[in-house]
């Protein structure tokens, strides 16, 4: 659903909806990538820069071999 469609269905102006969304994001300190608030199907299609992930997700990705352990590679070099 587009922002225009959502605003129309909610019966509000799109800019008002966007302003309220911004207020909610700032108040709850939400970032762009919030895995707990994202549908699994969307997460499966998502390509992200691992450097932007929370530390616990980066650590898990390293353990699974999905991303390189740069510290270990530097130690060898």
N, C-alpha and C. Protein backbone atom coordinates (compact mmCIF):
# COMPACT_ATOMS: atom_id res chain seq x y z
N UNK A 1 0.85 -1.17 0.00
CA UNK A 1 0.00 0.00 0.00
C UNK A 1 0.90 1.23 0.00
N UNK A 2 0.58 2.19 -0.84
CA UNK A 2 1.37 3.42 -0.89
C UNK A 2 0.96 4.35 0.25
N UNK A 3 1.79 5.34 0.50
CA UNK A 3 1.48 6.33 1.54
C UNK A 3 0.19 7.08 1.19
N UNK A 4 -0.01 7.37 -0.09
CA UNK A 4 -1.24 8.05 -0.51
C UNK A 4 -2.47 7.19 -0.20
N UNK A 5 -2.38 5.90 -0.51
CA UNK A 5 -3.50 4.99 -0.26
C UNK A 5 -3.78 4.87 1.24
N UNK A 6 -2.73 4.75 2.04
CA UNK A 6 -2.90 4.64 3.47
C UNK A 6 -3.54 5.90 4.06
N UNK A 7 -3.06 7.05 3.65
CA UNK A 7 -3.61 8.31 4.14
C UNK A 7 -5.09 8.43 3.76
N UNK A 8 -5.40 8.03 2.54
CA UNK A 8 -6.80 8.10 2.10
C UNK A 8 -7.68 7.19 2.94
N UNK A 9 -7.22 5.97 3.19
CA UNK A 9 -8.01 5.03 3.99
C UNK A 9 -8.15 5.47 5.44
N UNK A 10 -7.12 6.15 5.94
CA UNK A 10 -7.19 6.65 7.32
C UNK A 10 -7.96 7.96 7.42
N UNK A 11 -8.18 8.59 6.28
CA UNK A 11 -8.91 9.85 6.26
C UNK A 11 -8.09 11.03 6.76
N UNK A 12 -6.78 10.99 6.49
CA UNK A 12 -5.90 12.08 6.91
C UNK A 12 -5.08 12.55 5.71
N UNK A 13 -4.51 13.74 5.86
CA UNK A 13 -3.61 14.26 4.83
C UNK A 13 -2.28 13.54 4.94
N UNK A 14 -1.66 13.24 3.81
CA UNK A 14 -0.41 12.46 3.81
C UNK A 14 0.68 13.14 4.64
N UNK A 15 0.80 14.46 4.56
CA UNK A 15 1.85 15.14 5.33
C UNK A 15 1.60 15.03 6.83
N UNK A 16 0.33 15.07 7.24
CA UNK A 16 0.01 14.89 8.66
C UNK A 16 0.41 13.49 9.11
N UNK A 17 0.10 12.50 8.29
CA UNK A 17 0.45 11.13 8.61
C UNK A 17 1.96 10.98 8.72
N UNK A 18 2.70 11.58 7.79
CA UNK A 18 4.16 11.51 7.81
C UNK A 18 4.73 12.20 9.04
N UNK A 19 4.16 13.34 9.41
CA UNK A 19 4.62 14.06 10.61
C UNK A 19 4.40 13.22 11.87
N UNK A 20 3.25 12.59 11.96
CA UNK A 20 2.96 11.73 13.13
C UNK A 20 3.89 10.52 13.15
N UNK A 21 4.16 9.95 11.98
CA UNK A 21 5.08 8.81 11.91
C UNK A 21 6.47 9.23 12.39
N UNK A 22 6.91 10.41 11.98
CA UNK A 22 8.21 10.93 12.42
C UNK A 22 8.25 11.12 13.93
N UNK A 23 7.15 11.65 14.49
CA UNK A 23 7.07 11.85 15.94
C UNK A 23 7.16 10.50 16.67
N UNK A 24 6.45 9.51 16.17
CA UNK A 24 6.48 8.18 16.78
C UNK A 24 7.90 7.60 16.70
N UNK A 25 8.54 7.72 15.54
CA UNK A 25 9.91 7.21 15.38
C UNK A 25 10.87 7.87 16.36
N UNK A 26 10.79 9.18 16.49
CA UNK A 26 11.69 9.89 17.41
C UNK A 26 11.39 9.55 18.86
N UNK A 27 10.11 9.49 19.21
CA UNK A 27 9.72 9.21 20.60
C UNK A 27 10.16 7.82 21.03
N UNK A 28 9.97 6.84 20.16
CA UNK A 28 10.33 5.45 20.48
C UNK A 28 11.76 5.11 20.08
N UNK A 29 12.48 6.10 19.54
CA UNK A 29 13.86 5.90 19.09
C UNK A 29 13.99 4.71 18.14
N UNK A 30 13.10 4.68 17.16
CA UNK A 30 13.12 3.61 16.17
C UNK A 30 14.09 3.96 15.06
N UNK A 31 14.81 2.98 14.58
CA UNK A 31 15.72 3.18 13.47
C UNK A 31 15.10 2.68 12.19
N UNK A 32 15.92 2.71 11.15
CA UNK A 32 15.44 2.25 9.84
C UNK A 32 15.21 0.75 9.85
N UNK A 33 16.09 0.02 10.51
CA UNK A 33 16.01 -1.44 10.51
C UNK A 33 15.64 -1.91 11.91
N UNK A 34 14.39 -2.29 12.09
CA UNK A 34 13.90 -2.80 13.36
C UNK A 34 13.35 -4.21 13.12
N UNK A 35 14.21 -5.23 13.24
CA UNK A 35 13.78 -6.59 12.88
C UNK A 35 12.56 -7.07 13.66
N UNK A 36 12.42 -6.63 14.90
CA UNK A 36 11.28 -7.07 15.71
C UNK A 36 9.95 -6.53 15.18
N UNK A 37 10.01 -5.46 14.38
CA UNK A 37 8.79 -4.83 13.87
C UNK A 37 8.58 -5.08 12.38
N UNK A 38 9.36 -5.98 11.81
CA UNK A 38 9.29 -6.23 10.38
C UNK A 38 8.81 -7.64 10.10
N UNK A 39 7.95 -7.77 9.10
CA UNK A 39 7.45 -9.10 8.74
C UNK A 39 8.60 -9.98 8.26
N UNK A 40 8.52 -11.26 8.56
CA UNK A 40 9.56 -12.22 8.18
C UNK A 40 9.76 -12.22 6.67
N UNK A 41 8.68 -12.18 5.90
CA UNK A 41 8.78 -12.21 4.44
C UNK A 41 9.60 -11.02 3.93
N UNK A 42 9.45 -9.87 4.55
CA UNK A 42 10.23 -8.70 4.13
C UNK A 42 11.69 -8.86 4.52
N UNK A 43 11.93 -9.39 5.70
CA UNK A 43 13.31 -9.59 6.15
C UNK A 43 14.06 -10.55 5.24
N UNK A 44 13.37 -11.55 4.73
CA UNK A 44 14.00 -12.54 3.85
C UNK A 44 14.43 -11.93 2.53
N UNK A 45 13.80 -10.84 2.12
CA UNK A 45 14.13 -10.19 0.85
C UNK A 45 15.11 -9.04 1.03
N UNK A 46 15.42 -8.73 2.25
CA UNK A 46 16.21 -7.54 2.57
C UNK A 46 17.69 -7.78 2.41
N UNK A 47 18.34 -6.85 1.75
CA UNK A 47 19.79 -6.84 1.67
C UNK A 47 20.24 -5.65 2.50
N UNK A 48 21.08 -5.90 3.48
CA UNK A 48 21.52 -4.82 4.36
C UNK A 48 23.04 -4.83 4.48
N UNK A 49 23.56 -3.69 4.83
CA UNK A 49 24.98 -3.55 5.14
C UNK A 49 25.16 -4.06 6.56
N UNK A 50 25.92 -5.12 6.74
CA UNK A 50 26.07 -5.75 8.06
C UNK A 50 26.60 -4.77 9.10
N UNK A 51 27.32 -3.74 8.66
CA UNK A 51 27.84 -2.75 9.61
C UNK A 51 26.73 -1.96 10.28
N UNK A 52 25.55 -1.97 9.69
CA UNK A 52 24.41 -1.21 10.23
C UNK A 52 23.56 -2.05 11.19
N UNK A 53 23.84 -3.33 11.29
CA UNK A 53 23.07 -4.21 12.16
C UNK A 53 23.44 -4.02 13.62
N UNK A 54 22.51 -4.29 14.53
CA UNK A 54 22.86 -4.28 15.95
C UNK A 54 23.97 -5.30 16.22
N UNK A 55 24.78 -5.04 17.23
CA UNK A 55 25.95 -5.87 17.54
C UNK A 55 25.60 -7.35 17.66
N UNK A 56 24.49 -7.68 18.32
CA UNK A 56 24.16 -9.09 18.51
C UNK A 56 23.86 -9.79 17.18
N UNK A 57 23.28 -9.07 16.23
CA UNK A 57 23.02 -9.67 14.91
C UNK A 57 24.31 -9.83 14.12
N UNK A 58 25.22 -8.84 14.22
CA UNK A 58 26.52 -8.96 13.55
C UNK A 58 27.29 -10.16 14.09
N UNK A 59 27.27 -10.31 15.42
CA UNK A 59 27.98 -11.44 16.04
C UNK A 59 27.41 -12.78 15.57
N UNK A 60 26.10 -12.87 15.50
CA UNK A 60 25.46 -14.11 15.03
C UNK A 60 25.80 -14.37 13.57
N UNK A 61 25.80 -13.33 12.75
CA UNK A 61 26.16 -13.49 11.34
C UNK A 61 27.60 -13.97 11.20
N UNK A 62 28.50 -13.47 12.05
CA UNK A 62 29.90 -13.93 12.03
C UNK A 62 29.97 -15.40 12.42
N UNK A 63 29.25 -15.78 13.49
CA UNK A 63 29.26 -17.17 13.95
C UNK A 63 28.77 -18.12 12.86
N UNK A 64 27.79 -17.67 12.09
CA UNK A 64 27.24 -18.51 11.02
C UNK A 64 28.06 -18.46 9.75
N UNK A 65 29.07 -17.61 9.72
CA UNK A 65 29.92 -17.48 8.54
C UNK A 65 29.28 -16.68 7.42
N UNK A 66 28.27 -15.88 7.74
CA UNK A 66 27.59 -15.09 6.72
C UNK A 66 28.36 -13.83 6.38
N UNK A 67 29.14 -13.33 7.33
CA UNK A 67 30.00 -12.18 7.09
C UNK A 67 31.37 -12.50 7.66
N UNK A 68 32.41 -11.89 7.09
CA UNK A 68 33.75 -12.20 7.58
C UNK A 68 34.01 -11.57 8.95
N UNK A 69 34.88 -12.21 9.71
CA UNK A 69 35.33 -11.67 10.99
C UNK A 69 36.59 -10.86 10.68
N UNK A 70 36.42 -9.56 10.49
CA UNK A 70 37.52 -8.71 10.06
C UNK A 70 38.64 -8.65 11.10
N UNK A 71 38.29 -8.69 12.38
CA UNK A 71 39.32 -8.67 13.42
C UNK A 71 40.24 -9.90 13.28
N UNK A 72 39.65 -11.05 13.05
CA UNK A 72 40.44 -12.27 12.89
C UNK A 72 41.31 -12.19 11.63
N UNK A 73 40.76 -11.64 10.55
CA UNK A 73 41.52 -11.50 9.31
C UNK A 73 42.69 -10.53 9.48
N UNK A 74 42.48 -9.44 10.21
CA UNK A 74 43.54 -8.48 10.47
C UNK A 74 44.65 -9.10 11.32
N UNK A 75 44.28 -9.94 12.26
CA UNK A 75 45.27 -10.58 13.14
C UNK A 75 46.20 -11.49 12.33
N UNK A 76 45.69 -12.10 11.29
CA UNK A 76 46.46 -13.02 10.48
C UNK A 76 47.38 -12.25 9.53
N UNK A 77 46.92 -11.11 9.06
CA UNK A 77 47.67 -10.33 8.04
C UNK A 77 48.91 -9.68 8.58
